[in-house]
Amino acid sequence: MLTFKLAFRNLFRNTRRTILTSLLISSSLVVLILVDGLMLGMTKVMVGGITHTLEGEAQVARKGFRNDFEVEYTIDDPASVISQLKENKSRQRGSGPGLLLAA
């Protein structure tokens, strides 16, 4: 109990030192929280940038479409392609008319 009395008395013996110490501790805690949030956001952006580019996703296109990107080379019957993708779900997380997510 004597220790707590001495500690409490020493806190207010030099108020300038106590205020500066508490301000420094609280400001460093705020900076730590902000940097942690920044790092989490950067990690999320990096992972999203990798998985949402062409190398993280698969594109199904008709033969010859990648050469000149002409509209006549689009897939005429996407339902058959989607049904084939739904039959083979061993390596994919999901698929749709414009999207296929590989596992």
N, C-alpha and C. Protein backbone atom coordinates (compact mmCIF):
# COMPACT_ATOMS: atom_id res chain seq x y z
N MET A 1 0.82 -1.19 0.00
CA MET A 1 0.00 0.00 0.00
C MET A 1 0.86 1.26 0.00
N LEU A 2 2.01 1.16 0.67
CA LEU A 2 2.92 2.29 0.73
C LEU A 2 3.47 2.61 -0.67
N THR A 3 3.66 1.58 -1.47
CA THR A 3 4.18 1.78 -2.82
C THR A 3 3.21 2.61 -3.65
N PHE A 4 1.92 2.32 -3.54
CA PHE A 4 0.92 3.08 -4.30
C PHE A 4 0.84 4.53 -3.83
N LYS A 5 0.99 4.75 -2.53
CA LYS A 5 0.99 6.12 -2.01
C LYS A 5 2.17 6.92 -2.56
N LEU A 6 3.34 6.29 -2.55
CA LEU A 6 4.53 6.96 -3.07
C LEU A 6 4.41 7.22 -4.58
N ALA A 7 3.89 6.24 -5.31
CA ALA A 7 3.74 6.41 -6.76
C ALA A 7 2.74 7.52 -7.07
N PHE A 8 1.64 7.58 -6.37
CA PHE A 8 0.64 8.61 -6.60
C PHE A 8 1.17 9.99 -6.25
N ARG A 9 1.93 10.07 -5.17
CA ARG A 9 2.50 11.36 -4.76
C ARG A 9 3.55 11.82 -5.76
N ASN A 10 4.34 10.90 -6.30
CA ASN A 10 5.38 11.26 -7.26
C ASN A 10 4.78 11.68 -8.62
N LEU A 11 3.59 11.20 -8.92
CA LEU A 11 2.94 11.61 -10.17
C LEU A 11 2.67 13.11 -10.19
N PHE A 12 2.27 13.64 -9.06
CA PHE A 12 1.90 15.05 -9.03
C PHE A 12 2.97 15.95 -8.42
N ARG A 13 4.12 15.39 -8.13
CA ARG A 13 5.21 16.22 -7.62
C ARG A 13 5.76 17.10 -8.74
N ASN A 14 5.95 16.52 -9.92
CA ASN A 14 6.41 17.28 -11.07
C ASN A 14 5.36 17.12 -12.16
N THR A 15 4.40 18.07 -12.18
CA THR A 15 3.26 17.92 -13.09
C THR A 15 3.67 18.06 -14.55
N ARG A 16 4.66 18.88 -14.85
CA ARG A 16 5.10 19.04 -16.25
C ARG A 16 5.62 17.71 -16.79
N ARG A 17 6.43 17.02 -16.01
CA ARG A 17 6.96 15.73 -16.44
C ARG A 17 5.84 14.71 -16.61
N THR A 18 4.87 14.71 -15.72
CA THR A 18 3.75 13.77 -15.81
C THR A 18 2.92 14.03 -17.05
N ILE A 19 2.63 15.30 -17.33
CA ILE A 19 1.83 15.64 -18.50
C ILE A 19 2.57 15.30 -19.79
N LEU A 20 3.86 15.63 -19.86
CA LEU A 20 4.64 15.32 -21.05
C LEU A 20 4.75 13.81 -21.28
N THR A 21 4.96 13.05 -20.21
CA THR A 21 5.07 11.61 -20.34
C THR A 21 3.76 11.01 -20.82
N SER A 22 2.64 11.46 -20.24
CA SER A 22 1.34 10.92 -20.66
C SER A 22 1.01 11.33 -22.10
N LEU A 23 1.38 12.56 -22.51
CA LEU A 23 1.16 12.98 -23.90
C LEU A 23 2.00 12.16 -24.87
N LEU A 24 3.24 11.90 -24.51
CA LEU A 24 4.11 11.12 -25.38
C LEU A 24 3.62 9.67 -25.51
N ILE A 25 3.19 9.10 -24.41
CA ILE A 25 2.69 7.72 -24.45
C ILE A 25 1.41 7.65 -25.28
N SER A 26 0.49 8.60 -25.07
CA SER A 26 -0.76 8.55 -25.82
C SER A 26 -0.55 8.85 -27.30
N SER A 27 0.36 9.79 -27.62
CA SER A 27 0.60 10.07 -29.04
C SER A 27 1.30 8.90 -29.72
N SER A 28 2.19 8.23 -29.04
CA SER A 28 2.84 7.06 -29.65
C SER A 28 1.85 5.92 -29.83
N LEU A 29 0.89 5.79 -28.95
CA LEU A 29 -0.16 4.78 -29.11
C LEU A 29 -1.04 5.11 -30.32
N VAL A 30 -1.37 6.38 -30.51
CA VAL A 30 -2.16 6.80 -31.68
C VAL A 30 -1.39 6.52 -32.96
N VAL A 31 -0.11 6.84 -32.99
CA VAL A 31 0.71 6.59 -34.18
C VAL A 31 0.80 5.09 -34.45
N LEU A 32 0.94 4.29 -33.41
CA LEU A 32 1.01 2.84 -33.57
C LEU A 32 -0.28 2.30 -34.17
N ILE A 33 -1.42 2.79 -33.71
CA ILE A 33 -2.72 2.34 -34.24
C ILE A 33 -2.87 2.78 -35.70
N LEU A 34 -2.48 4.00 -36.02
CA LEU A 34 -2.57 4.48 -37.40
C LEU A 34 -1.66 3.70 -38.35
N VAL A 35 -0.45 3.42 -37.92
CA VAL A 35 0.47 2.66 -38.77
C VAL A 35 -0.03 1.23 -38.95
N ASP A 36 -0.60 0.65 -37.90
CA ASP A 36 -1.17 -0.70 -38.02
C ASP A 36 -2.32 -0.72 -39.02
N GLY A 37 -3.18 0.28 -38.96
CA GLY A 37 -4.27 0.38 -39.94
C GLY A 37 -3.75 0.59 -41.35
N LEU A 38 -2.71 1.38 -41.48
CA LEU A 38 -2.11 1.61 -42.79
C LEU A 38 -1.51 0.31 -43.35
N MET A 39 -0.83 -0.43 -42.51
CA MET A 39 -0.24 -1.69 -42.96
C MET A 39 -1.31 -2.70 -43.35
N LEU A 40 -2.40 -2.78 -42.58
CA LEU A 40 -3.48 -3.70 -42.93
C LEU A 40 -4.13 -3.30 -44.24
N GLY A 41 -4.32 -2.00 -44.44
CA GLY A 41 -4.89 -1.52 -45.69
C GLY A 41 -3.98 -1.78 -46.87
N MET A 42 -2.68 -1.58 -46.69
CA MET A 42 -1.74 -1.85 -47.78
C MET A 42 -1.70 -3.33 -48.12
N THR A 43 -1.77 -4.19 -47.10
CA THR A 43 -1.80 -5.63 -47.34
C THR A 43 -3.05 -6.02 -48.11
N LYS A 44 -4.18 -5.44 -47.72
CA LYS A 44 -5.44 -5.74 -48.41
C LYS A 44 -5.39 -5.29 -49.87
N VAL A 45 -4.81 -4.12 -50.12
CA VAL A 45 -4.70 -3.61 -51.49
C VAL A 45 -3.75 -4.48 -52.31
N MET A 46 -2.63 -4.91 -51.69
CA MET A 46 -1.68 -5.75 -52.42
C MET A 46 -2.30 -7.09 -52.79
N VAL A 47 -2.98 -7.73 -51.84
CA VAL A 47 -3.61 -9.02 -52.12
C VAL A 47 -4.71 -8.85 -53.16
N GLY A 48 -5.51 -7.79 -53.04
CA GLY A 48 -6.55 -7.53 -54.02
C GLY A 48 -5.98 -7.23 -55.39
N GLY A 49 -4.87 -6.51 -55.44
CA GLY A 49 -4.25 -6.21 -56.72
C GLY A 49 -3.71 -7.44 -57.41
N ILE A 50 -3.22 -8.38 -56.63
CA ILE A 50 -2.69 -9.61 -57.23
C ILE A 50 -3.82 -10.52 -57.68
N THR A 51 -4.84 -10.67 -56.85
CA THR A 51 -5.89 -11.64 -57.19
C THR A 51 -6.92 -11.09 -58.16
N HIS A 52 -7.00 -9.80 -58.35
CA HIS A 52 -8.00 -9.25 -59.27
C HIS A 52 -7.42 -8.84 -60.62
N THR A 53 -6.17 -9.17 -60.85
CA THR A 53 -5.60 -8.92 -62.17
C THR A 53 -5.76 -10.16 -63.03
N LEU A 54 -5.26 -10.09 -64.24
CA LEU A 54 -5.41 -11.23 -65.14
C LEU A 54 -4.69 -12.47 -64.65
N GLU A 55 -3.66 -12.32 -63.86
CA GLU A 55 -2.93 -13.48 -63.39
C GLU A 55 -3.59 -14.15 -62.21
N GLY A 56 -4.51 -13.47 -61.54
CA GLY A 56 -5.21 -14.07 -60.42
C GLY A 56 -6.55 -14.64 -60.83
N GLU A 57 -7.00 -14.35 -62.01
CA GLU A 57 -8.29 -14.83 -62.50
C GLU A 57 -8.09 -15.52 -63.84
N ALA A 58 -9.08 -16.23 -64.25
CA ALA A 58 -9.02 -16.90 -65.56
C ALA A 58 -10.04 -16.26 -66.48
N GLN A 59 -9.69 -16.15 -67.73
CA GLN A 59 -10.61 -15.64 -68.74
C GLN A 59 -10.80 -16.70 -69.80
N VAL A 60 -12.06 -16.94 -70.14
CA VAL A 60 -12.38 -17.87 -71.20
C VAL A 60 -12.78 -17.05 -72.41
N ALA A 61 -12.04 -17.22 -73.49
CA ALA A 61 -12.32 -16.45 -74.71
C ALA A 61 -12.31 -17.40 -75.91
N ARG A 62 -12.98 -16.99 -76.93
CA ARG A 62 -13.02 -17.77 -78.16
C ARG A 62 -11.66 -17.69 -78.86
N LYS A 63 -11.34 -18.72 -79.63
CA LYS A 63 -10.06 -18.77 -80.33
C LYS A 63 -9.95 -17.59 -81.29
N GLY A 64 -8.86 -16.83 -81.19
CA GLY A 64 -8.61 -15.68 -82.03
C GLY A 64 -8.98 -14.35 -81.40
N PHE A 65 -9.68 -14.36 -80.26
CA PHE A 65 -10.10 -13.11 -79.62
C PHE A 65 -8.92 -12.34 -79.07
N ARG A 66 -7.91 -13.02 -78.53
CA ARG A 66 -6.76 -12.34 -77.93
C ARG A 66 -5.87 -11.68 -78.98
N ASN A 67 -6.02 -12.05 -80.24
CA ASN A 67 -5.17 -11.46 -81.29
C ASN A 67 -5.58 -10.03 -81.61
N ASP A 68 -6.88 -9.80 -81.78
CA ASP A 68 -7.30 -8.44 -82.17
C ASP A 68 -8.52 -7.94 -81.39
N PHE A 69 -9.04 -8.69 -80.41
CA PHE A 69 -10.14 -8.28 -79.54
C PHE A 69 -11.37 -7.83 -80.32
N GLU A 70 -11.69 -8.54 -81.38
CA GLU A 70 -12.87 -8.22 -82.18
C GLU A 70 -14.11 -8.82 -81.55
N VAL A 71 -15.25 -8.14 -81.72
CA VAL A 71 -16.51 -8.57 -81.12
C VAL A 71 -16.99 -9.88 -81.72
N GLU A 72 -16.69 -10.13 -82.98
CA GLU A 72 -17.18 -11.36 -83.61
C GLU A 72 -16.52 -12.60 -83.04
N TYR A 73 -15.44 -12.44 -82.26
CA TYR A 73 -14.77 -13.58 -81.66
C TYR A 73 -15.21 -13.83 -80.21
N THR A 74 -16.28 -13.22 -79.76
CA THR A 74 -16.79 -13.50 -78.42
C THR A 74 -17.51 -14.84 -78.42
N ILE A 75 -17.74 -15.39 -77.27
CA ILE A 75 -18.38 -16.71 -77.15
C ILE A 75 -19.87 -16.55 -77.45
N ASP A 76 -20.36 -17.35 -78.40
CA ASP A 76 -21.76 -17.26 -78.81
C ASP A 76 -22.70 -17.84 -77.76
N ASP A 77 -22.33 -18.96 -77.15
CA ASP A 77 -23.20 -19.63 -76.18
C ASP A 77 -22.47 -19.76 -74.84
N PRO A 78 -22.50 -18.71 -74.02
CA PRO A 78 -21.78 -18.79 -72.74
C PRO A 78 -22.40 -19.78 -71.76
N ALA A 79 -23.66 -20.15 -71.95
CA ALA A 79 -24.30 -21.09 -71.02
C ALA A 79 -23.62 -22.45 -71.06
N SER A 80 -23.20 -22.89 -72.24
CA SER A 80 -22.53 -24.20 -72.33
C SER A 80 -21.17 -24.16 -71.64
N VAL A 81 -20.47 -23.04 -71.78
CA VAL A 81 -19.17 -22.92 -71.11
C VAL A 81 -19.36 -22.89 -69.59
N ILE A 82 -20.38 -22.17 -69.13
CA ILE A 82 -20.65 -22.10 -67.68
C ILE A 82 -21.04 -23.47 -67.14
N SER A 83 -21.83 -24.23 -67.91
CA SER A 83 -22.21 -25.57 -67.44
C SER A 83 -21.00 -26.49 -67.37
N GLN A 84 -20.06 -26.36 -68.31
CA GLN A 84 -18.84 -27.17 -68.24
C GLN A 84 -17.99 -26.77 -67.04
N LEU A 85 -17.97 -25.48 -66.72
CA LEU A 85 -17.22 -25.03 -65.55
C LEU A 85 -17.86 -25.53 -64.26
N LYS A 86 -19.18 -25.58 -64.22
CA LYS A 86 -19.86 -26.06 -63.02
C LYS A 86 -19.66 -27.54 -62.82
N GLU A 87 -19.48 -28.30 -63.89
CA GLU A 87 -19.22 -29.73 -63.77
C GLU A 87 -17.85 -30.00 -63.17
N ASN A 88 -16.86 -29.15 -63.47
CA ASN A 88 -15.50 -29.35 -63.00
C ASN A 88 -15.18 -28.30 -61.94
N LYS A 89 -15.60 -28.56 -60.69
CA LYS A 89 -15.40 -27.60 -59.61
C LYS A 89 -14.22 -27.98 -58.72
N SER A 90 -13.33 -28.81 -59.20
CA SER A 90 -12.24 -29.29 -58.34
C SER A 90 -11.23 -28.19 -58.01
N ARG A 91 -10.98 -27.25 -58.93
CA ARG A 91 -9.95 -26.25 -58.70
C ARG A 91 -10.47 -24.82 -58.76
N GLN A 92 -11.76 -24.61 -58.56
CA GLN A 92 -12.28 -23.25 -58.63
C GLN A 92 -13.15 -22.95 -57.43
N ARG A 93 -13.17 -21.68 -57.05
CA ARG A 93 -13.99 -21.22 -55.94
C ARG A 93 -15.34 -20.75 -56.40
N GLY A 94 -15.45 -20.24 -57.61
CA GLY A 94 -16.72 -19.76 -58.11
C GLY A 94 -16.60 -19.35 -59.56
N SER A 95 -17.71 -19.22 -60.22
CA SER A 95 -17.67 -18.80 -61.62
C SER A 95 -18.97 -18.07 -61.94
N GLY A 96 -18.93 -17.32 -63.01
CA GLY A 96 -20.09 -16.59 -63.47
C GLY A 96 -19.89 -16.17 -64.90
N PRO A 97 -20.86 -15.47 -65.48
CA PRO A 97 -20.73 -15.10 -66.90
C PRO A 97 -19.53 -14.21 -67.19
N GLY A 98 -19.09 -13.43 -66.24
CA GLY A 98 -17.94 -12.57 -66.50
C GLY A 98 -16.78 -12.86 -65.58
N LEU A 99 -16.86 -13.93 -64.79
CA LEU A 99 -15.88 -14.11 -63.73
C LEU A 99 -15.67 -15.58 -63.43
N LEU A 100 -14.42 -15.96 -63.23
CA LEU A 100 -14.06 -17.30 -62.79
C LEU A 100 -12.95 -17.13 -61.76
N LEU A 101 -13.18 -17.60 -60.55
CA LEU A 101 -12.17 -17.47 -59.48
C LEU A 101 -11.50 -18.81 -59.28
N ALA A 102 -10.21 -18.88 -59.51
CA ALA A 102 -9.46 -20.13 -59.33
C ALA A 102 -9.02 -20.27 -57.89
N ALA A 103 -8.96 -21.49 -57.41
CA ALA A 103 -8.56 -21.76 -56.03
C ALA A 103 -7.07 -21.77 -55.89
